[in-house]
Amino acid sequence: SRYTFNYEALKAGNEDVQMRSDWTIPLCTGEERL
């Protein structure tokens, strides 16, 4: 498969550092939680 991977965009949005495979993101809370 010639899958899509937006490598350059992810790197640019990560201060020109490769996006790593560990993502630190909080749980769904507050107004977002239905």
PDB file of all heavy atoms in Angstrom:
ATOM      1  N   SER A   1       0.826  -1.213   0.000  1.00  0.00           N
ATOM      2  CA  SER A   1       0.000   0.000   0.000  1.00  0.00           C
ATOM      3  C   SER A   1       0.856   1.257   0.000  1.00  0.00           C
ATOM      4  O   SER A   1       1.831   1.361   0.742  1.00  0.00           O
ATOM      5  CB  SER A   1      -0.910   0.016   1.226  1.00  0.00           C
ATOM      6  OG  SER A   1      -1.834  -1.039   1.202  1.00  0.00           O
ATOM      7  N   ARG A   2       0.467   2.234  -0.813  1.00  0.00           N
ATOM      8  CA  ARG A   2       1.120   3.543  -0.821  1.00  0.00           C
ATOM      9  C   ARG A   2       0.282   4.473   0.060  1.00  0.00           C
ATOM     10  O   ARG A   2      -0.434   5.350  -0.410  1.00  0.00           O
ATOM     11  CB  ARG A   2       1.245   4.066  -2.252  1.00  0.00           C
ATOM     12  CG  ARG A   2       2.059   3.143  -3.158  1.00  0.00           C
ATOM     13  CD  ARG A   2       2.250   3.730  -4.542  1.00  0.00           C
ATOM     14  NE  ARG A   2       3.061   4.943  -4.488  1.00  0.00           N
ATOM     15  CZ  ARG A   2       3.372   5.667  -5.575  1.00  0.00           C
ATOM     16  NH1 ARG A   2       2.924   5.281  -6.775  1.00  0.00           N
ATOM     17  NH2 ARG A   2       4.111   6.759  -5.468  1.00  0.00           N
ATOM     18  N   TYR A   3       0.374   4.230   1.337  1.00  0.00           N
ATOM     19  CA  TYR A   3      -0.455   4.922   2.326  1.00  0.00           C
ATOM     20  C   TYR A   3      -0.040   6.392   2.471  1.00  0.00           C
ATOM     21  O   TYR A   3       1.077   6.790   2.132  1.00  0.00           O
ATOM     22  CB  TYR A   3      -0.345   4.213   3.677  1.00  0.00           C
ATOM     23  CG  TYR A   3       1.084   4.101   4.178  1.00  0.00           C
ATOM     24  CD1 TYR A   3       1.652   5.087   4.968  1.00  0.00           C
ATOM     25  CD2 TYR A   3       1.876   3.005   3.821  1.00  0.00           C
ATOM     26  CE1 TYR A   3       2.957   4.998   5.405  1.00  0.00           C
ATOM     27  CE2 TYR A   3       3.197   2.905   4.245  1.00  0.00           C
ATOM     28  CZ  TYR A   3       3.731   3.899   5.040  1.00  0.00           C
ATOM     29  OH  TYR A   3       5.023   3.820   5.461  1.00  0.00           O
ATOM     30  N   THR A   4      -0.955   7.188   2.978  1.00  0.00           N
ATOM     31  CA  THR A   4      -0.693   8.606   3.226  1.00  0.00           C
ATOM     32  C   THR A   4       0.014   8.783   4.565  1.00  0.00           C
ATOM     33  O   THR A   4      -0.423   8.237   5.580  1.00  0.00           O
ATOM     34  CB  THR A   4      -2.007   9.407   3.239  1.00  0.00           C
ATOM     35  OG1 THR A   4      -2.614   9.336   1.945  1.00  0.00           O
ATOM     36  CG2 THR A   4      -1.766  10.861   3.596  1.00  0.00           C
ATOM     37  N   PHE A   5       1.099   9.532   4.563  1.00  0.00           N
ATOM     38  CA  PHE A   5       1.749   9.933   5.802  1.00  0.00           C
ATOM     39  C   PHE A   5       2.253  11.358   5.615  1.00  0.00           C
ATOM     40  O   PHE A   5       3.168  11.605   4.825  1.00  0.00           O
ATOM     41  CB  PHE A   5       2.906   8.999   6.156  1.00  0.00           C
ATOM     42  CG  PHE A   5       3.616   9.378   7.441  1.00  0.00           C
ATOM     43  CD1 PHE A   5       2.896   9.739   8.568  1.00  0.00           C
ATOM     44  CD2 PHE A   5       4.993   9.371   7.516  1.00  0.00           C
ATOM     45  CE1 PHE A   5       3.535  10.087   9.748  1.00  0.00           C
ATOM     46  CE2 PHE A   5       5.658   9.709   8.694  1.00  0.00           C
ATOM     47  CZ  PHE A   5       4.919  10.071   9.811  1.00  0.00           C
ATOM     48  N   ASN A   6       1.659  12.289   6.311  1.00  0.00           N
ATOM     49  CA  ASN A   6       1.987  13.704   6.165  1.00  0.00           C
ATOM     50  C   ASN A   6       3.181  14.064   7.050  1.00  0.00           C
ATOM     51  O   ASN A   6       3.086  14.881   7.967  1.00  0.00           O
ATOM     52  CB  ASN A   6       0.761  14.549   6.491  1.00  0.00           C
ATOM     53  CG  ASN A   6      -0.386  14.252   5.542  1.00  0.00           C
ATOM     54  OD1 ASN A   6      -0.198  14.160   4.333  1.00  0.00           O
ATOM     55  ND2 ASN A   6      -1.578  14.077   6.083  1.00  0.00           N
ATOM     56  N   TYR A   7       4.299  13.457   6.727  1.00  0.00           N
ATOM     57  CA  TYR A   7       5.505  13.575   7.543  1.00  0.00           C
ATOM     58  C   TYR A   7       5.973  15.028   7.685  1.00  0.00           C
ATOM     59  O   TYR A   7       6.253  15.490   8.789  1.00  0.00           O
ATOM     60  CB  TYR A   7       6.621  12.721   6.928  1.00  0.00           C
ATOM     61  CG  TYR A   7       7.985  12.978   7.501  1.00  0.00           C
ATOM     62  CD1 TYR A   7       8.379  12.383   8.688  1.00  0.00           C
ATOM     63  CD2 TYR A   7       8.889  13.824   6.850  1.00  0.00           C
ATOM     64  CE1 TYR A   7       9.642  12.619   9.218  1.00  0.00           C
ATOM     65  CE2 TYR A   7      10.153  14.062   7.374  1.00  0.00           C
ATOM     66  CZ  TYR A   7      10.521  13.466   8.560  1.00  0.00           C
ATOM     67  OH  TYR A   7      11.753  13.703   9.090  1.00  0.00           O
ATOM     68  N   GLU A   8       6.073  15.729   6.578  1.00  0.00           N
ATOM     69  CA  GLU A   8       6.596  17.090   6.615  1.00  0.00           C
ATOM     70  C   GLU A   8       5.698  18.017   7.425  1.00  0.00           C
ATOM     71  O   GLU A   8       6.179  18.870   8.181  1.00  0.00           O
ATOM     72  CB  GLU A   8       6.761  17.634   5.188  1.00  0.00           C
ATOM     73  CG  GLU A   8       7.787  16.884   4.352  1.00  0.00           C
ATOM     74  CD  GLU A   8       9.211  17.163   4.812  1.00  0.00           C
ATOM     75  OE1 GLU A   8       9.409  18.058   5.649  1.00  0.00           O
ATOM     76  OE2 GLU A   8      10.129  16.464   4.334  1.00  0.00           O
ATOM     77  N   ALA A   9       4.389  17.870   7.278  1.00  0.00           N
ATOM     78  CA  ALA A   9       3.462  18.715   8.033  1.00  0.00           C
ATOM     79  C   ALA A   9       3.569  18.438   9.531  1.00  0.00           C
ATOM     80  O   ALA A   9       3.579  19.364  10.348  1.00  0.00           O
ATOM     81  CB  ALA A   9       2.030  18.483   7.550  1.00  0.00           C
ATOM     82  N   LEU A  10       3.642  17.164   9.901  1.00  0.00           N
ATOM     83  CA  LEU A  10       3.772  16.820  11.317  1.00  0.00           C
ATOM     84  C   LEU A  10       5.077  17.375  11.891  1.00  0.00           C
ATOM     85  O   LEU A  10       5.100  17.904  13.013  1.00  0.00           O
ATOM     86  CB  LEU A  10       3.735  15.305  11.487  1.00  0.00           C
ATOM     87  CG  LEU A  10       2.396  14.610  11.206  1.00  0.00           C
ATOM     88  CD1 LEU A  10       2.596  13.105  11.207  1.00  0.00           C
ATOM     89  CD2 LEU A  10       1.364  15.006  12.238  1.00  0.00           C
ATOM     90  N   LYS A  11       6.137  17.262  11.119  1.00  0.00           N
ATOM     91  CA  LYS A  11       7.438  17.754  11.592  1.00  0.00           C
ATOM     92  C   LYS A  11       7.414  19.270  11.748  1.00  0.00           C
ATOM     93  O   LYS A  11       7.904  19.811  12.751  1.00  0.00           O
ATOM     94  CB  LYS A  11       8.527  17.325  10.610  1.00  0.00           C
ATOM     95  CG  LYS A  11       9.932  17.723  11.036  1.00  0.00           C
ATOM     96  CD  LYS A  11      10.969  17.218  10.032  1.00  0.00           C
ATOM     97  CE  LYS A  11      12.377  17.654  10.438  1.00  0.00           C
ATOM     98  NZ  LYS A  11      13.389  17.180   9.458  1.00  0.00           N
ATOM     99  N   ALA A  12       6.842  19.963  10.774  1.00  0.00           N
ATOM    100  CA  ALA A  12       6.778  21.421  10.848  1.00  0.00           C
ATOM    101  C   ALA A  12       5.953  21.891  12.043  1.00  0.00           C
ATOM    102  O   ALA A  12       6.296  22.880  12.706  1.00  0.00           O
ATOM    103  CB  ALA A  12       6.195  21.982   9.546  1.00  0.00           C
ATOM    104  N   GLY A  13       4.867  21.187  12.323  1.00  0.00           N
ATOM    105  CA  GLY A  13       4.033  21.549  13.462  1.00  0.00           C
ATOM    106  C   GLY A  13       4.615  21.148  14.798  1.00  0.00           C
ATOM    107  O   GLY A  13       4.102  21.532  15.863  1.00  0.00           O
ATOM    108  N   ASN A  14       5.689  20.360  14.750  1.00  0.00           N
ATOM    109  CA  ASN A  14       6.364  19.899  15.970  1.00  0.00           C
ATOM    110  C   ASN A  14       7.721  20.585  16.117  1.00  0.00           C
ATOM    111  O   ASN A  14       8.690  19.979  16.561  1.00  0.00           O
ATOM    112  CB  ASN A  14       6.533  18.369  15.929  1.00  0.00           C
ATOM    113  CG  ASN A  14       6.862  17.779  17.288  1.00  0.00           C
ATOM    114  OD1 ASN A  14       6.332  18.194  18.310  1.00  0.00           O
ATOM    115  ND2 ASN A  14       7.742  16.793  17.303  1.00  0.00           N
ATOM    116  N   GLU A  15       7.777  21.870  15.709  1.00  0.00           N
ATOM    117  CA  GLU A  15       8.993  22.681  15.805  1.00  0.00           C
ATOM    118  C   GLU A  15      10.161  22.056  15.046  1.00  0.00           C
ATOM    119  O   GLU A  15      11.307  22.029  15.507  1.00  0.00           O
ATOM    120  CB  GLU A  15       9.363  22.937  17.273  1.00  0.00           C
ATOM    121  CG  GLU A  15       8.281  23.702  18.033  1.00  0.00           C
ATOM    122  CD  GLU A  15       8.699  24.080  19.444  1.00  0.00           C
ATOM    123  OE1 GLU A  15       9.757  23.623  19.903  1.00  0.00           O
ATOM    124  OE2 GLU A  15       7.954  24.857  20.067  1.00  0.00           O
ATOM    125  N   ASP A  16       9.837  21.527  13.850  1.00  0.00           N
ATOM    126  CA  ASP A  16      10.838  20.947  12.949  1.00  0.00           C
ATOM    127  C   ASP A  16      11.566  19.751  13.543  1.00  0.00           C
ATOM    128  O   ASP A  16      12.720  19.457  13.185  1.00  0.00           O
ATOM    129  CB  ASP A  16      11.853  22.008  12.493  1.00  0.00           C
ATOM    130  CG  ASP A  16      11.202  23.077  11.616  1.00  0.00           C
ATOM    131  OD1 ASP A  16      10.336  22.700  10.808  1.00  0.00           O
ATOM    132  OD2 ASP A  16      11.560  24.252  11.738  1.00  0.00           O
ATOM    133  N   VAL A  17      10.890  19.049  14.421  1.00  0.00           N
ATOM    134  CA  VAL A  17      11.412  17.803  14.993  1.00  0.00           C
ATOM    135  C   VAL A  17      10.462  16.680  14.587  1.00  0.00           C
ATOM    136  O   VAL A  17       9.244  16.842  14.610  1.00  0.00           O
ATOM    137  CB  VAL A  17      11.506  17.872  16.531  1.00  0.00           C
ATOM    138  CG1 VAL A  17      11.988  16.548  17.101  1.00  0.00           C
ATOM    139  CG2 VAL A  17      12.435  19.011  16.948  1.00  0.00           C
ATOM    140  N   GLN A  18      11.012  15.527  14.201  1.00  0.00           N
ATOM    141  CA  GLN A  18      10.164  14.399  13.808  1.00  0.00           C
ATOM    142  C   GLN A  18       9.142  14.075  14.886  1.00  0.00           C
ATOM    143  O   GLN A  18       9.461  14.051  16.079  1.00  0.00           O
ATOM    144  CB  GLN A  18      11.030  13.159  13.564  1.00  0.00           C
ATOM    145  CG  GLN A  18      11.841  13.193  12.288  1.00  0.00           C
ATOM    146  CD  GLN A  18      12.552  11.876  12.048  1.00  0.00           C
ATOM    147  OE1 GLN A  18      12.640  11.019  12.928  1.00  0.00           O
ATOM    148  NE2 GLN A  18      13.061  11.696  10.838  1.00  0.00           N
ATOM    149  N   MET A  19       7.901  13.816  14.459  1.00  0.00           N
ATOM    150  CA  MET A  19       6.863  13.405  15.404  1.00  0.00           C
ATOM    151  C   MET A  19       7.175  12.001  15.908  1.00  0.00           C
ATOM    152  O   MET A  19       7.426  11.086  15.131  1.00  0.00           O
ATOM    153  CB  MET A  19       5.495  13.422  14.716  1.00  0.00           C
ATOM    154  CG  MET A  19       4.352  13.050  15.627  1.00  0.00           C
ATOM    155  SD  MET A  19       4.075  14.231  16.958  1.00  0.00           S
ATOM    156  CE  MET A  19       3.381  15.627  16.021  1.00  0.00           C
ATOM    157  N   ARG A  20       7.170  11.869  17.229  1.00  0.00           N
ATOM    158  CA  ARG A  20       7.488  10.583  17.844  1.00  0.00           C
ATOM    159  C   ARG A  20       6.251   9.711  17.987  1.00  0.00           C
ATOM    160  O   ARG A  20       5.126  10.149  17.776  1.00  0.00           O
ATOM    161  CB  ARG A  20       8.104  10.828  19.234  1.00  0.00           C
ATOM    162  CG  ARG A  20       9.470  11.477  19.200  1.00  0.00           C
ATOM    163  CD  ARG A  20       9.808  12.119  20.540  1.00  0.00           C
ATOM    164  NE  ARG A  20       9.554  11.232  21.662  1.00  0.00           N
ATOM    165  CZ  ARG A  20      10.506  10.724  22.457  1.00  0.00           C
ATOM    166  NH1 ARG A  20      11.782  11.020  22.233  1.00  0.00           N
ATOM    167  NH2 ARG A  20      10.185   9.954  23.470  1.00  0.00           N
ATOM    168  N   SER A  21       6.499   8.467  18.363  1.00  0.00           N
ATOM    169  CA  SER A  21       5.407   7.503  18.505  1.00  0.00           C
ATOM    170  C   SER A  21       4.854   7.457  19.931  1.00  0.00           C
ATOM    171  O   SER A  21       4.109   6.539  20.260  1.00  0.00           O
ATOM    172  CB  SER A  21       5.877   6.105  18.098  1.00  0.00           C
ATOM    173  OG  SER A  21       6.930   5.675  18.942  1.00  0.00           O
ATOM    174  N   ASP A  22       5.198   8.430  20.761  1.00  0.00           N
ATOM    175  CA  ASP A  22       4.547   8.562  22.068  1.00  0.00           C
ATOM    176  C   ASP A  22       3.875   9.930  22.125  1.00  0.00           C
ATOM    177  O   ASP A  22       4.533  10.951  21.975  1.00  0.00           O
ATOM    178  CB  ASP A  22       5.545   8.378  23.223  1.00  0.00           C
ATOM    179  CG  ASP A  22       6.781   9.248  23.091  1.00  0.00           C
ATOM    180  OD1 ASP A  22       7.107   9.680  21.959  1.00  0.00           O
ATOM    181  OD2 ASP A  22       7.430   9.526  24.112  1.00  0.00           O
ATOM    182  N   TRP A  23       2.565   9.910  22.284  1.00  0.00           N
ATOM    183  CA  TRP A  23       1.759  11.121  22.243  1.00  0.00           C
ATOM    184  C   TRP A  23       1.202  11.404  23.637  1.00  0.00           C
ATOM    185  O   TRP A  23       0.511  10.558  24.217  1.00  0.00           O
ATOM    186  CB  TRP A  23       0.597  10.966  21.271  1.00  0.00           C
ATOM    187  CG  TRP A  23       0.988  10.683  19.855  1.00  0.00           C
ATOM    188  CD1 TRP A  23       2.243  10.672  19.325  1.00  0.00           C
ATOM    189  CD2 TRP A  23       0.096  10.358  18.775  1.00  0.00           C
ATOM    190  NE1 TRP A  23       2.197  10.364  17.991  1.00  0.00           N
ATOM    191  CE2 TRP A  23       0.903  10.173  17.622  1.00  0.00           C
ATOM    192  CE3 TRP A  23      -1.282  10.223  18.677  1.00  0.00           C
ATOM    193  CZ2 TRP A  23       0.347   9.840  16.385  1.00  0.00           C
ATOM    194  CZ3 TRP A  23      -1.833   9.893  17.452  1.00  0.00           C
ATOM    195  CH2 TRP A  23      -1.027   9.707  16.318  1.00  0.00           C
ATOM    196  N   THR A  24       1.497  12.585  24.164  1.00  0.00           N
ATOM    197  CA  THR A  24       0.989  12.971  25.478  1.00  0.00           C
ATOM    198  C   THR A  24      -0.224  13.868  25.289  1.00  0.00           C
ATOM    199  O   THR A  24      -0.106  15.022  24.875  1.00  0.00           O
ATOM    200  CB  THR A  24       2.075  13.701  26.288  1.00  0.00           C
ATOM    201  OG1 THR A  24       3.223  12.848  26.403  1.00  0.00           O
ATOM    202  CG2 THR A  24       1.571  14.058  27.670  1.00  0.00           C
ATOM    203  N   ILE A  25      -1.384  13.328  25.585  1.00  0.00           N
ATOM    204  CA  ILE A  25      -2.660  14.021  25.380  1.00  0.00           C
ATOM    205  C   ILE A  25      -3.568  13.700  26.566  1.00  0.00           C
ATOM    206  O   ILE A  25      -3.676  12.538  26.969  1.00  0.00           O
ATOM    207  CB  ILE A  25      -3.335  13.568  24.067  1.00  0.00           C
ATOM    208  CG1 ILE A  25      -2.446  13.927  22.856  1.00  0.00           C
ATOM    209  CG2 ILE A  25      -4.712  14.192  23.906  1.00  0.00           C
ATOM    210  CD1 ILE A  25      -2.952  13.378  21.543  1.00  0.00           C
ATOM    211  N   PRO A  26      -4.234  14.693  27.150  1.00  0.00           N
ATOM    212  CA  PRO A  26      -5.106  14.416  28.299  1.00  0.00           C
ATOM    213  C   PRO A  26      -6.362  13.654  27.916  1.00  0.00           C
ATOM    214  O   PRO A  26      -6.776  13.628  26.747  1.00  0.00           O
ATOM    215  CB  PRO A  26      -5.450  15.815  28.835  1.00  0.00           C
ATOM    216  CG  PRO A  26      -5.239  16.734  27.683  1.00  0.00           C
ATOM    217  CD  PRO A  26      -4.148  16.127  26.845  1.00  0.00           C
ATOM    218  N   LEU A  27      -6.968  13.017  28.907  1.00  0.00           N
ATOM    219  CA  LEU A  27      -8.249  12.342  28.720  1.00  0.00           C
ATOM    220  C   LEU A  27      -9.331  13.344  28.328  1.00  0.00           C
ATOM    221  O   LEU A  27      -9.178  14.555  28.517  1.00  0.00           O
ATOM    222  CB  LEU A  27      -8.670  11.638  30.009  1.00  0.00           C
ATOM    223  CG  LEU A  27      -7.895  10.386  30.423  1.00  0.00           C
ATOM    224  CD1 LEU A  27      -8.225  10.033  31.865  1.00  0.00           C
ATOM    225  CD2 LEU A  27      -8.247   9.229  29.503  1.00  0.00           C
ATOM    226  N   CYS A  28     -10.409  12.828  27.802  1.00  0.00           N
ATOM    227  CA  CYS A  28     -11.554  13.670  27.453  1.00  0.00           C
ATOM    228  C   CYS A  28     -12.262  14.108  28.733  1.00  0.00           C
ATOM    229  O   CYS A  28     -12.793  13.277  29.481  1.00  0.00           O
ATOM    230  CB  CYS A  28     -12.510  12.887  26.555  1.00  0.00           C
ATOM    231  SG  CYS A  28     -13.976  13.797  26.093  1.00  0.00           S
ATOM    232  N   THR A  29     -12.260  15.403  29.000  1.00  0.00           N
ATOM    233  CA  THR A  29     -12.896  15.936  30.208  1.00  0.00           C
ATOM    234  C   THR A  29     -13.608  17.246  29.878  1.00  0.00           C
ATOM    235  O   THR A  29     -13.572  17.727  28.742  1.00  0.00           O
ATOM    236  CB  THR A  29     -11.856  16.200  31.316  1.00  0.00           C
ATOM    237  OG1 THR A  29     -10.865  17.114  30.807  1.00  0.00           O
ATOM    238  CG2 THR A  29     -11.175  14.917  31.753  1.00  0.00           C
ATOM    239  N   GLY A  30     -14.224  17.827  30.891  1.00  0.00           N
ATOM    240  CA  GLY A  30     -14.828  19.152  30.752  1.00  0.00           C
ATOM    241  C   GLY A  30     -15.966  19.202  29.756  1.00  0.00           C
ATOM    242  O   GLY A  30     -16.753  18.265  29.627  1.00  0.00           O
ATOM    243  N   GLU A  31     -16.035  20.301  29.016  1.00  0.00           N
ATOM    244  CA  GLU A  31     -17.152  20.519  28.095  1.00  0.00           C
ATOM    245  C   GLU A  31     -17.139  19.532  26.931  1.00  0.00           C
ATOM    246  O   GLU A  31     -18.179  19.269  26.333  1.00  0.00           O
ATOM    247  CB  GLU A  31     -17.112  21.950  27.553  1.00  0.00           C
ATOM    248  CG  GLU A  31     -17.367  23.010  28.621  1.00  0.00           C
ATOM    249  CD  GLU A  31     -17.401  24.405  28.042  1.00  0.00           C
ATOM    250  OE1 GLU A  31     -17.204  24.533  26.808  1.00  0.00           O
ATOM    251  OE2 GLU A  31     -17.610  25.366  28.800  1.00  0.00           O
ATOM    252  N   GLU A  32     -15.966  18.997  26.605  1.00  0.00           N
ATOM    253  CA  GLU A  32     -15.904  18.049  25.494  1.00  0.00           C
ATOM    254  C   GLU A  32     -16.594  16.730  25.836  1.00  0.00           C
ATOM    255  O   GLU A  32     -17.130  16.054  24.968  1.00  0.00           O
ATOM    256  CB  GLU A  32     -14.440  17.774  25.122  1.00  0.00           C
ATOM    257  CG  GLU A  32     -14.295  16.885  23.894  1.00  0.00           C
ATOM    258  CD  GLU A  32     -12.845  16.579  23.564  1.00  0.00           C
ATOM    259  OE1 GLU A  32     -11.950  17.265  24.095  1.00  0.00           O
ATOM    260  OE2 GLU A  32     -12.607  15.639  22.779  1.00  0.00           O
ATOM    261  N   ARG A  33     -16.611  16.363  27.096  1.00  0.00           N
ATOM    262  CA  ARG A  33     -17.232  15.105  27.529  1.00  0.00           C
ATOM    263  C   ARG A  33     -18.751  15.227  27.444  1.00  0.00           C
ATOM    264  O   ARG A  33     -19.359  16.087  28.066  1.00  0.00           O
ATOM    265  CB  ARG A  33     -16.812  14.788  28.958  1.00  0.00           C
ATOM    266  CG  ARG A  33     -17.544  13.643  29.610  1.00  0.00           C
ATOM    267  CD  ARG A  33     -17.174  12.279  29.052  1.00  0.00           C
ATOM    268  NE  ARG A  33     -15.886  11.797  29.521  1.00  0.00           N
ATOM    269  CZ  ARG A  33     -15.447  10.558  29.317  1.00  0.00           C
ATOM    270  NH1 ARG A  33     -16.191   9.689  28.645  1.00  0.00           N
ATOM    271  NH2 ARG A  33     -14.256  10.192  29.739  1.00  0.00           N
ATOM    272  N   LEU A  34     -19.388  14.354  26.666  1.00  0.00           N
ATOM    273  CA  LEU A  34     -20.837  14.367  26.532  1.00  0.00           C
ATOM    274  C   LEU A  34     -21.484  13.774  27.784  1.00  0.00           C
ATOM    275  O   LEU A  34     -21.001  12.769  28.319  1.00  0.00           O
ATOM    276  CB  LEU A  34     -21.283  13.576  25.299  1.00  0.00           C
ATOM    277  CG  LEU A  34     -21.379  14.365  23.984  1.00  0.00           C
ATOM    278  CD1 LEU A  34     -20.028  14.933  23.582  1.00  0.00           C
ATOM    279  CD2 LEU A  34     -21.953  13.510  22.854  1.00  0.00           C
TER     280      LEU A  34
END
